[in-house]
Amino acid sequence: MSYRLPHVLLLAVVSATGALSGCVQQPVEHNLAEQYPDSQQLELLNYQPVTAELDDEFKPTSIEVLRTGRYTLVSTSAHAGQSNLMQQMVQVRIPTRLNPTVGDGLAHTLDRSGYQLCSETGKPVIETLFSRPLPAAHYELGPMPLQAALQLLSGPSYQLLVEPVTREVCFSLRVARLEQTGGQP
């Protein structure tokens, strides 16, 4: 009789397991479109193609680095000032003994930046800007981006213009003069 007890016990366990597994309901996979009907009606309003400027906002936050020493890591990507020269950081100190003009300050700021100043000949607006004395507050600038330094030196009345092919920097008048608008000075 003891010989049959383990077989009977095994048979009881197997049949109980089979009976219980029949009670468990198998999950039914639903189609995602049925679960989320609104997701199929997605409308893209104001669709715009991705440009380089928009792409820059979504760059991955991880930066590739190169180990150059035990505790030194160097970034392998270009700095902002290397890929966009107008964003390079400049620090300007113009000697006071020169009695500089705005044109001298602009030329000194552009020195070794990769850009050159446009010619003022035949352009009265540019001649006026370049011939003005440089304010004492502009003898020392920075560190700041080159674009901000040039706009600061020219003042709010002038718009900075950049020719990317020849890497030439020039300025245009931003607002009309009072005499041209008929206003009283």
C-alpha atoms as a PDB file:
ATOM      1  CA  MET A   1       0.000   0.000   0.000  1.00  0.00           C
ATOM      2  CA  SER A   2       2.818   2.356   0.707  1.00  0.00           C
ATOM      3  CA  TYR A   3       3.985   1.650  -2.804  1.00  0.00           C
ATOM      4  CA  ARG A   4       0.821   3.127  -4.281  1.00  0.00           C
ATOM      5  CA  LEU A   5       0.641   6.214  -2.046  1.00  0.00           C
ATOM      6  CA  PRO A   6       3.325   8.251  -3.888  1.00  0.00           C
ATOM      7  CA  HIS A   7       1.683   7.476  -7.238  1.00  0.00           C
ATOM      8  CA  VAL A   8      -1.724   8.509  -5.975  1.00  0.00           C
ATOM      9  CA  LEU A   9      -0.283  11.670  -4.448  1.00  0.00           C
ATOM     10  CA  LEU A  10       1.506  12.520  -7.698  1.00  0.00           C
ATOM     11  CA  LEU A  11      -1.677  11.907  -9.655  1.00  0.00           C
ATOM     12  CA  ALA A  12      -3.627  14.201  -7.311  1.00  0.00           C
ATOM     13  CA  VAL A  13      -1.073  17.026  -7.689  1.00  0.00           C
ATOM     14  CA  VAL A  14      -1.018  16.762 -11.494  1.00  0.00           C
ATOM     15  CA  SER A  15      -4.812  16.757 -11.768  1.00  0.00           C
ATOM     16  CA  ALA A  16      -5.128  19.721  -9.357  1.00  0.00           C
ATOM     17  CA  THR A  17      -2.569  21.674 -11.371  1.00  0.00           C
ATOM     18  CA  GLY A  18      -4.413  20.927 -14.588  1.00  0.00           C
ATOM     19  CA  ALA A  19      -7.736  21.942 -13.096  1.00  0.00           C
ATOM     20  CA  LEU A  20      -6.366  25.216 -11.735  1.00  0.00           C
ATOM     21  CA  SER A  21      -4.602  26.129 -14.958  1.00  0.00           C
ATOM     22  CA  GLY A  22      -7.884  25.860 -16.805  1.00  0.00           C
ATOM     23  CA  CYS A  23      -9.334  28.537 -14.491  1.00  0.00           C
ATOM     24  CA  VAL A  24      -6.646  31.084 -15.338  1.00  0.00           C
ATOM     25  CA  GLN A  25      -7.745  33.366 -18.148  1.00  0.00           C
ATOM     26  CA  GLN A  26      -5.188  33.954 -20.864  1.00  0.00           C
ATOM     27  CA  PRO A  27      -4.642  37.668 -21.660  1.00  0.00           C
ATOM     28  CA  VAL A  28      -6.132  38.782 -24.939  1.00  0.00           C
ATOM     29  CA  GLU A  29      -3.923  41.129 -26.920  1.00  0.00           C
ATOM     30  CA  HIS A  30      -5.819  44.140 -28.192  1.00  0.00           C
ATOM     31  CA  ASN A  31      -4.883  46.216 -31.154  1.00  0.00           C
ATOM     32  CA  LEU A  32      -3.323  49.567 -30.124  1.00  0.00           C
ATOM     33  CA  ALA A  33      -5.684  51.404 -32.445  1.00  0.00           C
ATOM     34  CA  GLU A  34      -8.637  49.900 -30.537  1.00  0.00           C
ATOM     35  CA  GLN A  35      -7.133  50.794 -27.158  1.00  0.00           C
ATOM     36  CA  TYR A  36      -6.237  54.373 -28.106  1.00  0.00           C
ATOM     37  CA  PRO A  37      -8.615  55.550 -30.841  1.00  0.00           C
ATOM     38  CA  ASP A  38      -7.543  59.210 -30.575  1.00  0.00           C
ATOM     39  CA  SER A  39      -3.937  58.354 -31.379  1.00  0.00           C
ATOM     40  CA  GLN A  40      -4.869  57.506 -34.967  1.00  0.00           C
ATOM     41  CA  GLN A  41      -6.229  61.007 -35.571  1.00  0.00           C
ATOM     42  CA  LEU A  42      -3.020  62.931 -34.940  1.00  0.00           C
ATOM     43  CA  GLU A  43      -2.801  66.178 -36.884  1.00  0.00           C
ATOM     44  CA  LEU A  44       0.474  68.037 -37.252  1.00  0.00           C
ATOM     45  CA  LEU A  45      -0.332  71.714 -37.224  1.00  0.00           C
ATOM     46  CA  ASN A  46       2.301  74.251 -38.298  1.00  0.00           C
ATOM     47  CA  TYR A  47       4.429  71.621 -39.972  1.00  0.00           C
ATOM     48  CA  GLN A  48       7.940  72.895 -40.639  1.00  0.00           C
ATOM     49  CA  PRO A  49      10.925  71.007 -41.989  1.00  0.00           C
ATOM     50  CA  VAL A  50      13.780  70.490 -39.579  1.00  0.00           C
ATOM     51  CA  THR A  51      16.623  72.913 -40.181  1.00  0.00           C
ATOM     52  CA  ALA A  52      20.136  72.948 -38.814  1.00  0.00           C
ATOM     53  CA  GLU A  53      19.143  75.472 -36.126  1.00  0.00           C
ATOM     54  CA  LEU A  54      16.280  73.285 -34.923  1.00  0.00           C
ATOM     55  CA  ASP A  55      18.473  70.211 -35.101  1.00  0.00           C
ATOM     56  CA  ASP A  56      21.028  71.851 -32.793  1.00  0.00           C
ATOM     57  CA  GLU A  57      18.417  72.106 -30.037  1.00  0.00           C
ATOM     58  CA  PHE A  58      17.924  68.345 -30.005  1.00  0.00           C
ATOM     59  CA  LYS A  59      21.528  67.214 -29.984  1.00  0.00           C
ATOM     60  CA  PRO A  60      22.255  64.456 -27.511  1.00  0.00           C
ATOM     61  CA  THR A  61      23.508  65.610 -24.157  1.00  0.00           C
ATOM     62  CA  SER A  62      26.365  63.131 -24.145  1.00  0.00           C
ATOM     63  CA  ILE A  63      29.647  64.501 -25.449  1.00  0.00           C
ATOM     64  CA  GLU A  64      32.406  62.366 -26.876  1.00  0.00           C
ATOM     65  CA  VAL A  65      35.607  62.812 -24.923  1.00  0.00           C
ATOM     66  CA  LEU A  66      39.145  61.609 -25.256  1.00  0.00           C
ATOM     67  CA  ARG A  67      41.201  60.654 -22.221  1.00  0.00           C
ATOM     68  CA  THR A  68      44.552  62.443 -22.421  1.00  0.00           C
ATOM     69  CA  GLY A  69      45.728  61.699 -18.909  1.00  0.00           C
ATOM     70  CA  ARG A  70      44.711  59.904 -15.784  1.00  0.00           C
ATOM     71  CA  TYR A  71      42.320  62.657 -14.704  1.00  0.00           C
ATOM     72  CA  THR A  72      41.992  64.655 -17.927  1.00  0.00           C
ATOM     73  CA  LEU A  73      39.199  64.309 -20.481  1.00  0.00           C
ATOM     74  CA  VAL A  74      39.131  66.462 -23.627  1.00  0.00           C
ATOM     75  CA  SER A  75      36.016  67.027 -25.746  1.00  0.00           C
ATOM     76  CA  THR A  76      36.363  65.871 -29.347  1.00  0.00           C
ATOM     77  CA  SER A  77      33.675  68.226 -30.702  1.00  0.00           C
ATOM     78  CA  ALA A  78      34.234  71.763 -31.953  1.00  0.00           C
ATOM     79  CA  HIS A  79      33.534  74.690 -29.646  1.00  0.00           C
ATOM     80  CA  ALA A  80      30.700  77.071 -30.567  1.00  0.00           C
ATOM     81  CA  GLY A  81      33.243  79.731 -31.537  1.00  0.00           C
ATOM     82  CA  GLN A  82      35.047  77.317 -33.828  1.00  0.00           C
ATOM     83  CA  SER A  83      31.988  76.252 -35.795  1.00  0.00           C
ATOM     84  CA  ASN A  84      30.373  79.730 -35.858  1.00  0.00           C
ATOM     85  CA  LEU A  85      33.085  82.389 -35.907  1.00  0.00           C
ATOM     86  CA  MET A  86      30.707  85.164 -34.856  1.00  0.00           C
ATOM     87  CA  GLN A  87      30.194  83.279 -31.571  1.00  0.00           C
ATOM     88  CA  GLN A  88      33.894  83.116 -30.703  1.00  0.00           C
ATOM     89  CA  MET A  89      34.790  84.742 -27.409  1.00  0.00           C
ATOM     90  CA  VAL A  90      36.831  87.937 -27.617  1.00  0.00           C
ATOM     91  CA  GLN A  91      38.364  90.151 -24.992  1.00  0.00           C
ATOM     92  CA  VAL A  92      39.305  93.601 -26.246  1.00  0.00           C
ATOM     93  CA  ARG A  93      41.721  96.070 -24.658  1.00  0.00           C
ATOM     94  CA  ILE A  94      42.342  99.122 -26.813  1.00  0.00           C
ATOM     95  CA  PRO A  95      45.331 101.280 -25.822  1.00  0.00           C
ATOM     96  CA  THR A  96      44.162 104.695 -24.594  1.00  0.00           C
ATOM     97  CA  ARG A  97      47.171 106.539 -26.033  1.00  0.00           C
ATOM     98  CA  LEU A  98      45.908 105.971 -29.589  1.00  0.00           C
ATOM     99  CA  ASN A  99      42.853 108.266 -29.228  1.00  0.00           C
ATOM    100  CA  PRO A 100      40.894 105.642 -31.201  1.00  0.00           C
ATOM    101  CA  THR A 101      37.795 106.028 -33.329  1.00  0.00           C
ATOM    102  CA  VAL A 102      34.926 103.560 -33.579  1.00  0.00           C
ATOM    103  CA  GLY A 103      36.503 102.294 -36.813  1.00  0.00           C
ATOM    104  CA  ASP A 104      39.788 101.653 -34.972  1.00  0.00           C
ATOM    105  CA  GLY A 105      37.915  99.802 -32.223  1.00  0.00           C
ATOM    106  CA  LEU A 106      36.074  97.643 -34.737  1.00  0.00           C
ATOM    107  CA  ALA A 107      39.284  96.854 -36.642  1.00  0.00           C
ATOM    108  CA  HIS A 108      41.092  95.995 -33.388  1.00  0.00           C
ATOM    109  CA  THR A 109      38.212  93.728 -32.328  1.00  0.00           C
ATOM    110  CA  LEU A 110      38.208  91.927 -35.688  1.00  0.00           C
ATOM    111  CA  ASP A 111      41.974  91.349 -35.559  1.00  0.00           C
ATOM    112  CA  ARG A 112      42.648  87.568 -35.759  1.00  0.00           C
ATOM    113  CA  SER A 113      38.911  86.766 -35.797  1.00  0.00           C
ATOM    114  CA  GLY A 114      38.793  85.611 -39.417  1.00  0.00           C
ATOM    115  CA  TYR A 115      36.688  88.607 -40.459  1.00  0.00           C
ATOM    116  CA  GLN A 116      37.629  91.946 -41.985  1.00  0.00           C
ATOM    117  CA  LEU A 117      35.936  95.322 -41.856  1.00  0.00           C
ATOM    118  CA  CYS A 118      34.169  96.577 -44.985  1.00  0.00           C
ATOM    119  CA  SER A 119      35.492  99.582 -46.874  1.00  0.00           C
ATOM    120  CA  GLU A 120      33.988 102.899 -45.868  1.00  0.00           C
ATOM    121  CA  THR A 121      34.733 104.711 -49.114  1.00  0.00           C
ATOM    122  CA  GLY A 122      31.635 105.941 -50.881  1.00  0.00           C
ATOM    123  CA  LYS A 123      29.358 105.043 -47.969  1.00  0.00           C
ATOM    124  CA  PRO A 124      28.531 108.170 -45.927  1.00  0.00           C
ATOM    125  CA  VAL A 125      26.700 106.218 -43.215  1.00  0.00           C
ATOM    126  CA  ILE A 126      29.744 103.997 -42.655  1.00  0.00           C
ATOM    127  CA  GLU A 127      32.143 106.973 -42.805  1.00  0.00           C
ATOM    128  CA  THR A 128      30.104 108.686 -40.086  1.00  0.00           C
ATOM    129  CA  LEU A 129      30.192 105.619 -37.836  1.00  0.00           C
ATOM    130  CA  PHE A 130      33.881 104.867 -38.322  1.00  0.00           C
ATOM    131  CA  SER A 131      35.011 108.484 -37.775  1.00  0.00           C
ATOM    132  CA  ARG A 132      33.320 108.945 -34.381  1.00  0.00           C
ATOM    133  CA  PRO A 133      35.540 108.864 -31.291  1.00  0.00           C
ATOM    134  CA  LEU A 134      35.409 105.591 -29.383  1.00  0.00           C
ATOM    135  CA  PRO A 135      33.676 106.022 -25.997  1.00  0.00           C
ATOM    136  CA  ALA A 136      35.924 105.401 -22.995  1.00  0.00           C
ATOM    137  CA  ALA A 137      33.520 102.694 -21.816  1.00  0.00           C
ATOM    138  CA  HIS A 138      34.434 100.673 -24.935  1.00  0.00           C
ATOM    139  CA  TYR A 139      38.216 100.640 -24.377  1.00  0.00           C
ATOM    140  CA  GLU A 140      37.883  97.311 -22.521  1.00  0.00           C
ATOM    141  CA  LEU A 141      35.288  94.737 -23.551  1.00  0.00           C
ATOM    142  CA  GLY A 142      34.650  91.129 -22.761  1.00  0.00           C
ATOM    143  CA  PRO A 143      34.998  88.345 -22.621  1.00  0.00           C
ATOM    144  CA  MET A 144      31.938  88.219 -24.873  1.00  0.00           C
ATOM    145  CA  PRO A 145      30.953  86.777 -28.261  1.00  0.00           C
ATOM    146  CA  LEU A 146      32.385  88.614 -31.276  1.00  0.00           C
ATOM    147  CA  GLN A 147      28.922  89.437 -32.595  1.00  0.00           C
ATOM    148  CA  ALA A 148      27.922  91.105 -29.315  1.00  0.00           C
ATOM    149  CA  ALA A 149      31.182  93.074 -29.149  1.00  0.00           C
ATOM    150  CA  LEU A 150      30.762  94.408 -32.696  1.00  0.00           C
ATOM    151  CA  GLN A 151      27.152  95.395 -32.078  1.00  0.00           C
ATOM    152  CA  LEU A 152      28.137  97.080 -28.819  1.00  0.00           C
ATOM    153  CA  LEU A 153      30.893  99.086 -30.519  1.00  0.00           C
ATOM    154  CA  SER A 154      28.617 100.240 -33.341  1.00  0.00           C
ATOM    155  CA  GLY A 155      25.734 101.194 -31.081  1.00  0.00           C
ATOM    156  CA  PRO A 156      21.992 100.596 -31.242  1.00  0.00           C
ATOM    157  CA  SER A 157      21.471 102.798 -34.336  1.00  0.00           C
ATOM    158  CA  TYR A 158      23.459 100.463 -36.571  1.00  0.00           C
ATOM    159  CA  GLN A 159      22.651  96.932 -37.716  1.00  0.00           C
ATOM    160  CA  LEU A 160      25.544  94.485 -37.953  1.00  0.00           C
ATOM    161  CA  LEU A 161      25.788  92.862 -41.410  1.00  0.00           C
ATOM    162  CA  VAL A 162      27.981  89.836 -42.126  1.00  0.00           C
ATOM    163  CA  GLU A 163      28.968  88.533 -45.559  1.00  0.00           C
ATOM    164  CA  PRO A 164      29.726  84.842 -44.881  1.00  0.00           C
ATOM    165  CA  VAL A 165      31.492  84.125 -48.182  1.00  0.00           C
ATOM    166  CA  THR A 166      34.083  86.906 -47.993  1.00  0.00           C
ATOM    167  CA  ARG A 167      33.905  87.061 -44.191  1.00  0.00           C
ATOM    168  CA  GLU A 168      33.393  90.781 -44.303  1.00  0.00           C
ATOM    169  CA  VAL A 169      31.628  92.765 -41.578  1.00  0.00           C
ATOM    170  CA  CYS A 170      29.702  95.941 -42.362  1.00  0.00           C
ATOM    171  CA  PHE A 171      26.943  98.056 -40.852  1.00  0.00           C
ATOM    172  CA  SER A 172      23.739  99.704 -42.015  1.00  0.00           C
ATOM    173  CA  LEU A 173      21.627 102.381 -40.406  1.00  0.00           C
ATOM    174  CA  ARG A 174      18.895 100.758 -38.329  1.00  0.00           C
ATOM    175  CA  VAL A 175      16.610 103.778 -37.908  1.00  0.00           C
ATOM    176  CA  ALA A 176      15.920 106.754 -40.134  1.00  0.00           C
ATOM    177  CA  ARG A 177      17.505 110.036 -39.119  1.00  0.00           C
ATOM    178  CA  LEU A 178      15.318 112.815 -37.734  1.00  0.00           C
ATOM    179  CA  GLU A 179      15.875 115.067 -40.774  1.00  0.00           C
ATOM    180  CA  GLN A 180      14.650 112.331 -43.107  1.00  0.00           C
ATOM    181  CA  THR A 181      11.461 111.688 -41.131  1.00  0.00           C
ATOM    182  CA  GLY A 182      10.527 115.369 -40.943  1.00  0.00           C
ATOM    183  CA  GLY A 183      10.794 115.433 -37.138  1.00  0.00           C
ATOM    184  CA  GLN A 184      12.205 118.327 -35.152  1.00  0.00           C
ATOM    185  CA  PRO A 185      15.673 117.758 -33.615  1.00  0.00           C
END
